[in-house]
């Protein structure tokens, strides 16, 4: 099979994905308006609860209000851990509010927006995590050659040793919740709703990628394109695999590799003047992720339509 034939076949299969088909609400305009209103109400409630937490935890409000890196002291990783966990709570709470609003207004199970018609697939999540981890490790020398400063928090002798395991656990837990929250909103609810106006998988990937990048409010055009590419690839993964697990795993690995081996979350820059050449590694990541997704998609999927099952070699 030629590359062109493989692409055509993959797109044809993607059009049958349960994240595109099987969702035909009655009075879609009215239900969408109701969803928006209910989502605002639920998110307001979540925000009020978080505001109470900010007032109850000493120093947390001041810490969350800071701009730029946290103070560089031997105990910094404790503050970074607290910041990561609270950001995860924010993103997770807002994502659950949006998911609950969608499930309530459209009168469907929450799984309809996550992995419709089947159970959670831990294998896809694990493959997504390992694939992105391997790709990030391969790109380490490229970033160093490009002049990136490598100052891994978990290897920095300035920070107290006993704080590093705590930072590791907090990063894994917090970034998993944060990645799942972003995927639920973007590759779950948002993908399902935009499929009501466009059903071609490539168009959905482009729309979702742009919206995902726009939500990060980063004015740097290079960073915008890079995030849009990531969003588009993770949308393709969700469509092809019929669920969000691979995207959650890859998203988690991407963020985890940054916070553990490059820089703490508080040092991540927004609005810096990036160079367009910096998109080259992103193209490599996108190509590798597509290969992994297509290999996974060749396995048995309950939603695969008759007549389009992959040929199996003897």
Protein backbone atom coordinates (compact mmCIF):
# COMPACT_ATOMS: atom_id res chain seq x y z
CA UNK A 1 0.00 0.00 0.00
CA UNK A 2 1.42 3.39 -1.02
CA UNK A 3 1.62 6.27 1.48
CA UNK A 4 -1.19 8.05 -0.35
CA UNK A 5 -3.43 4.97 -0.17
CA UNK A 6 -2.59 4.57 3.52
CA UNK A 7 -3.58 8.18 4.23
CA UNK A 8 -6.84 7.87 2.28
CA UNK A 9 -7.69 4.67 4.11
CA UNK A 10 -6.86 6.19 7.51
CA UNK A 11 -9.09 9.20 6.80
CA UNK A 12 -11.89 6.92 5.64
CA UNK A 13 -11.65 4.92 8.86
CA UNK A 14 -11.45 8.10 10.94
CA UNK A 15 -14.76 9.29 9.49
CA UNK A 16 -16.41 6.29 11.22
CA UNK A 17 -14.93 7.06 14.63
CA UNK A 18 -17.43 7.05 17.53
CA UNK A 19 -16.14 10.50 18.51
CA UNK A 20 -17.57 11.79 15.22
CA UNK A 21 -20.59 9.56 14.61
CA UNK A 22 -23.49 8.55 16.83
CA UNK A 23 -24.06 11.99 18.37
CA UNK A 24 -27.15 13.63 16.88
CA UNK A 25 -28.91 15.72 19.54
CA UNK A 26 -32.36 17.05 18.84
CA UNK A 27 -32.68 20.85 18.70
CA UNK A 28 -28.88 21.24 18.63
CA UNK A 29 -28.90 25.04 18.77
CA UNK A 30 -31.12 25.13 21.85
CA UNK A 31 -29.13 22.41 23.60
CA UNK A 32 -25.84 24.16 22.84
CA UNK A 33 -27.15 27.41 24.31
CA UNK A 34 -28.32 25.49 27.37
CA UNK A 35 -24.93 23.82 27.65
CA UNK A 36 -23.14 27.17 27.61
CA UNK A 37 -25.39 28.55 30.34
CA UNK A 38 -25.09 25.45 32.52
CA UNK A 39 -21.31 25.34 32.01
CA UNK A 40 -21.03 28.94 33.23
CA UNK A 41 -23.08 28.09 36.32
CA UNK A 42 -21.03 24.98 37.11
CA UNK A 43 -17.71 26.74 36.51
CA UNK A 44 -18.80 29.63 38.71
CA UNK A 45 -19.54 27.16 41.50
CA UNK A 46 -16.14 25.52 41.03
CA UNK A 47 -14.43 28.92 41.05
CA UNK A 48 -16.14 29.90 44.29
CA UNK A 49 -15.00 26.66 45.92
CA UNK A 50 -11.43 27.28 44.77
CA UNK A 51 -11.55 30.84 46.10
CA UNK A 52 -12.47 29.46 49.50
CA UNK A 53 -9.50 27.09 49.36
CA UNK A 54 -7.20 30.00 48.49
CA UNK A 55 -8.36 31.87 51.58
CA UNK A 56 -8.00 28.85 53.85
CA UNK A 57 -4.47 27.81 52.81
CA UNK A 58 -1.90 30.30 54.19
CA UNK A 59 0.27 31.92 51.52
CA UNK A 60 -1.35 30.09 48.61
CA UNK A 61 -3.17 33.16 47.28
CA UNK A 62 0.06 35.19 47.30
CA UNK A 63 1.93 32.39 45.59
CA UNK A 64 -0.67 31.96 42.85
CA UNK A 65 -0.71 35.73 42.29
CA UNK A 66 3.02 35.88 41.62
CA UNK A 67 4.36 36.41 38.11
CA UNK A 68 7.65 34.88 37.04
CA UNK A 69 9.68 32.16 38.76
CA UNK A 70 9.20 31.36 42.42
CA UNK A 71 12.02 32.41 44.80
CA UNK A 72 15.06 30.17 44.28
CA UNK A 73 15.64 28.72 47.76
CA UNK A 74 16.52 25.17 48.90
CA UNK A 75 12.80 24.67 49.65
CA UNK A 76 11.63 25.92 46.26
CA UNK A 77 10.45 22.50 45.03
CA UNK A 78 7.91 22.37 47.87
CA UNK A 79 6.39 25.64 46.67
CA UNK A 80 6.53 24.43 43.07
CA UNK A 81 4.75 21.21 44.12
CA UNK A 82 2.00 23.15 45.84
CA UNK A 83 1.61 25.38 42.79
CA UNK A 84 1.41 22.42 40.38
CA UNK A 85 -1.19 20.65 42.51
CA UNK A 86 -3.37 23.73 42.85
CA UNK A 87 -3.22 24.46 39.11
CA UNK A 88 -4.23 20.83 38.57
CA UNK A 89 -7.19 21.30 40.91
CA UNK A 90 -8.22 24.41 38.95
CA UNK A 91 -8.02 22.73 35.55
CA UNK A 92 -9.55 19.49 36.79
CA UNK A 93 -12.47 21.26 38.49
CA UNK A 94 -13.25 23.40 35.46
CA UNK A 95 -13.00 20.39 33.14
CA UNK A 96 -15.38 18.35 35.30
CA UNK A 97 -17.79 21.30 35.40
CA UNK A 98 -17.80 21.52 31.60
CA UNK A 99 -18.12 17.74 31.22
CA UNK A 100 -21.00 17.62 33.72
CA UNK A 101 -22.76 20.46 31.91
CA UNK A 102 -22.41 18.68 28.56
CA UNK A 103 -23.59 15.32 29.89
CA UNK A 104 -26.53 16.94 31.67
CA UNK A 105 -27.72 19.12 28.83
CA UNK A 106 -27.30 16.51 26.10
CA UNK A 107 -28.67 13.73 28.35
CA UNK A 108 -25.88 11.26 27.64
CA UNK A 109 -23.32 9.47 29.85
CA UNK A 110 -20.09 11.38 30.46
CA UNK A 111 -18.23 8.58 28.64
CA UNK A 112 -19.89 9.78 25.42
CA UNK A 113 -17.32 12.59 25.42
CA UNK A 114 -14.39 10.45 26.57
CA UNK A 115 -14.42 6.91 25.09
CA UNK A 116 -17.91 6.28 23.73
CA UNK A 117 -19.15 2.72 23.46
CA UNK A 118 -16.33 1.10 25.39
CA UNK A 119 -14.36 1.07 28.64
CA UNK A 120 -11.28 3.08 29.55
CA UNK A 121 -8.22 1.71 27.71
CA UNK A 122 -5.11 1.89 29.88
CA UNK A 123 -2.96 0.39 27.11
CA UNK A 124 -3.54 3.39 24.85
CA UNK A 125 -2.68 5.76 27.70
CA UNK A 126 0.54 3.88 28.45
CA UNK A 127 1.61 3.78 24.80
CA UNK A 128 0.94 7.51 24.44
CA UNK A 129 3.01 8.23 27.54
CA UNK A 130 5.94 6.03 26.49
CA UNK A 131 5.89 7.28 22.90
CA UNK A 132 6.09 10.93 23.92
CA UNK A 133 8.71 10.17 26.59
CA UNK A 134 10.94 8.46 24.04
CA UNK A 135 10.52 11.26 21.52
CA UNK A 136 11.32 13.89 24.16
CA UNK A 137 14.45 11.99 25.21
CA UNK A 138 15.61 11.77 21.59
CA UNK A 139 15.14 15.53 21.18
CA UNK A 140 17.16 16.45 24.28
CA UNK A 141 20.45 16.81 22.31
CA UNK A 142 18.67 18.84 19.63
CA UNK A 143 17.38 21.38 22.14
CA UNK A 144 20.78 21.58 23.84
CA UNK A 145 22.47 22.12 20.49
CA UNK A 146 19.94 24.89 19.80
CA UNK A 147 21.06 26.75 22.91
CA UNK A 148 18.36 25.72 25.40
CA UNK A 149 19.49 25.90 29.01
CA UNK A 150 19.31 22.53 30.74
CA UNK A 151 18.71 22.88 34.46
CA UNK A 152 16.68 19.84 35.58
CA UNK A 153 15.08 20.54 38.98
CA UNK A 154 15.31 16.89 40.06
CA UNK A 155 19.09 16.90 39.51
CA UNK A 156 19.84 20.32 40.95
CA UNK A 157 22.00 19.93 44.06
CA UNK A 158 20.92 23.34 45.36
CA UNK A 159 17.48 22.03 46.27
CA UNK A 160 17.03 19.94 49.42
CA UNK A 161 17.21 16.25 48.53
CA UNK A 162 14.12 15.30 50.53
CA UNK A 163 11.99 17.74 48.51
CA UNK A 164 12.76 16.06 45.17
CA UNK A 165 10.65 12.89 45.67
CA UNK A 166 7.77 15.08 46.82
CA UNK A 167 8.18 17.26 43.73
CA UNK A 168 8.25 14.16 41.53
CA UNK A 169 5.03 12.76 43.00
CA UNK A 170 3.30 16.14 42.92
CA UNK A 171 4.32 16.66 39.30
CA UNK A 172 3.06 13.24 38.20
CA UNK A 173 -0.27 13.57 40.02
CA UNK A 174 -0.80 17.24 39.24
CA UNK A 175 0.17 17.08 35.59
CA UNK A 176 -1.91 13.94 35.05
CA UNK A 177 -4.99 15.75 36.36
CA UNK A 178 -4.12 18.86 34.33
CA UNK A 179 -3.52 16.89 31.12
CA UNK A 180 -6.73 14.90 31.59
CA UNK A 181 -8.63 18.13 32.23
CA UNK A 182 -7.38 19.79 29.06
CA UNK A 183 -8.08 16.67 27.01
CA UNK A 184 -11.60 16.31 28.42
CA UNK A 185 -12.42 19.87 27.41
CA UNK A 186 -10.64 20.00 24.05
CA UNK A 187 -10.51 16.46 22.67
CA UNK A 188 -13.69 15.43 24.48
CA UNK A 189 -16.47 18.00 24.80
CA UNK A 190 -15.16 20.49 22.25
CA UNK A 191 -14.50 17.80 19.64
CA UNK A 192 -17.97 16.34 20.08
CA UNK A 193 -19.67 19.71 19.77
CA UNK A 194 -17.67 20.88 16.74
CA UNK A 195 -18.47 17.58 15.02
CA UNK A 196 -22.02 18.95 14.72
CA UNK A 197 -20.85 21.54 12.21
CA UNK A 198 -17.95 19.69 10.52
CA UNK A 199 -17.52 15.93 10.33
CA UNK A 200 -14.40 15.57 8.22
CA UNK A 201 -11.63 14.38 10.59
CA UNK A 202 -8.91 16.56 9.06
CA UNK A 203 -11.07 19.68 9.39
CA UNK A 204 -11.88 18.76 12.99
CA UNK A 205 -8.17 18.35 13.74
CA UNK A 206 -7.39 21.79 12.36
CA UNK A 207 -10.27 23.47 14.23
CA UNK A 208 -9.46 21.72 17.48
CA UNK A 209 -5.75 22.46 17.20
CA UNK A 210 -6.33 26.18 16.68
CA UNK A 211 -8.87 26.41 19.52
CA UNK A 212 -6.59 24.43 21.85
CA UNK A 213 -3.71 26.79 21.16
CA UNK A 214 -5.90 29.89 21.49
CA UNK A 215 -7.01 28.79 24.97
CA UNK A 216 -3.39 29.09 26.19
CA UNK A 217 -3.40 32.86 25.46
CA UNK A 218 0.22 32.85 24.31
CA UNK A 219 0.89 35.78 21.90
CA UNK A 220 4.06 34.17 20.52
CA UNK A 221 3.09 33.08 16.95
CA UNK A 222 5.65 30.25 16.90
CA UNK A 223 4.37 28.86 20.20
CA UNK A 224 0.81 29.23 18.89
CA UNK A 225 1.57 27.13 15.82
CA UNK A 226 3.47 24.55 17.89
CA UNK A 227 0.54 24.09 20.29
CA UNK A 228 -1.91 23.99 17.39
CA UNK A 229 0.13 21.16 15.86
CA UNK A 230 0.08 19.26 19.16
CA UNK A 231 -3.66 19.82 19.50
CA UNK A 232 -4.28 18.61 15.96
CA UNK A 233 -2.21 15.44 16.46
CA UNK A 234 -3.89 14.63 19.77
CA UNK A 235 -7.27 15.19 18.11
CA UNK A 236 -6.33 12.75 15.37
CA UNK A 237 -5.28 10.24 18.05
CA UNK A 238 -8.62 10.61 19.83
CA UNK A 239 -10.57 10.21 16.59
CA UNK A 240 -8.59 7.22 15.30
CA UNK A 241 -8.50 5.37 18.62
CA UNK A 242 -12.03 6.24 19.68
CA UNK A 243 -11.03 7.77 23.00
CA UNK A 244 -8.83 10.26 24.83
CA UNK A 245 -6.40 7.87 26.53
CA UNK A 246 -3.47 8.14 24.10
CA UNK A 247 -3.75 11.94 24.04
CA UNK A 248 -3.83 12.10 27.84
CA UNK A 249 -0.72 9.92 28.11
CA UNK A 250 1.20 11.89 25.49
CA UNK A 251 0.11 15.22 26.98
CA UNK A 252 1.21 14.09 30.45
CA UNK A 253 4.62 12.91 29.23
CA UNK A 254 5.23 16.15 27.32
CA UNK A 255 4.53 18.33 30.37
CA UNK A 256 6.29 15.99 32.79
CA UNK A 257 9.52 15.93 30.82
CA UNK A 258 9.56 19.74 30.89
CA UNK A 259 8.89 20.21 34.60
CA UNK A 260 11.22 17.41 35.75
CA UNK A 261 14.14 17.72 33.36
CA UNK A 262 14.07 21.25 31.96
CA UNK A 263 12.54 23.83 34.27
CA UNK A 264 9.89 24.18 36.97
CA UNK A 265 6.43 25.24 35.88
CA UNK A 266 6.80 28.77 37.28
CA UNK A 267 9.68 29.40 34.85
CA UNK A 268 7.73 28.53 31.72
CA UNK A 269 7.72 31.60 29.49
CA UNK A 270 4.65 32.96 27.75
CA UNK A 271 5.02 35.49 24.94
CA UNK A 272 8.71 35.04 24.27
CA UNK A 273 10.02 35.79 20.79
CA UNK A 274 10.58 32.31 19.35
CA UNK A 275 12.22 31.54 16.02
CA UNK A 276 10.35 29.65 13.31
CA UNK A 277 13.18 27.10 13.09
CA UNK A 278 12.04 25.91 16.51
CA UNK A 279 9.07 24.25 14.82
CA UNK A 280 11.37 21.63 13.26
CA UNK A 281 11.38 19.36 16.33
CA UNK A 282 7.60 19.74 16.54
CA UNK A 283 7.29 18.34 13.01
CA UNK A 284 9.38 15.35 14.07
CA UNK A 285 7.18 14.82 17.12
CA UNK A 286 4.03 15.01 15.01
CA UNK A 287 5.36 12.44 12.51
CA UNK A 288 6.36 9.97 15.23
CA UNK A 289 3.06 10.37 17.07
CA UNK A 290 1.15 9.71 13.86
CA UNK A 291 3.10 6.49 13.35
CA UNK A 292 2.32 5.30 16.87
CA UNK A 293 -1.36 6.19 16.54
CA UNK A 294 -1.72 4.38 13.23
CA UNK A 295 0.03 1.29 14.60
CA UNK A 296 -2.36 1.26 17.54
CA UNK A 297 -5.35 1.85 15.28
CA UNK A 298 -4.51 -1.27 13.28
CA UNK A 299 -5.49 -3.37 16.29
CA UNK A 300 -9.07 -4.53 16.83
CA UNK A 301 -11.48 -1.72 17.67
CA UNK A 302 -15.12 -2.40 18.52
CA UNK A 303 -16.26 0.52 16.37
CA UNK A 304 -14.35 -0.49 13.24
CA UNK A 305 -16.91 -0.76 10.40
CA UNK A 306 -17.34 -3.98 8.48
CA UNK A 307 -15.28 -4.20 5.32
CA UNK A 308 -12.58 -1.85 6.63
CA UNK A 309 -10.82 -4.20 9.00
CA UNK A 310 -7.04 -4.36 8.50
CA UNK A 311 -5.51 -7.27 6.66
CA UNK A 312 -3.62 -9.63 8.90
CA UNK A 313 -0.51 -11.33 7.64
CA UNK A 314 -0.22 -15.08 8.11
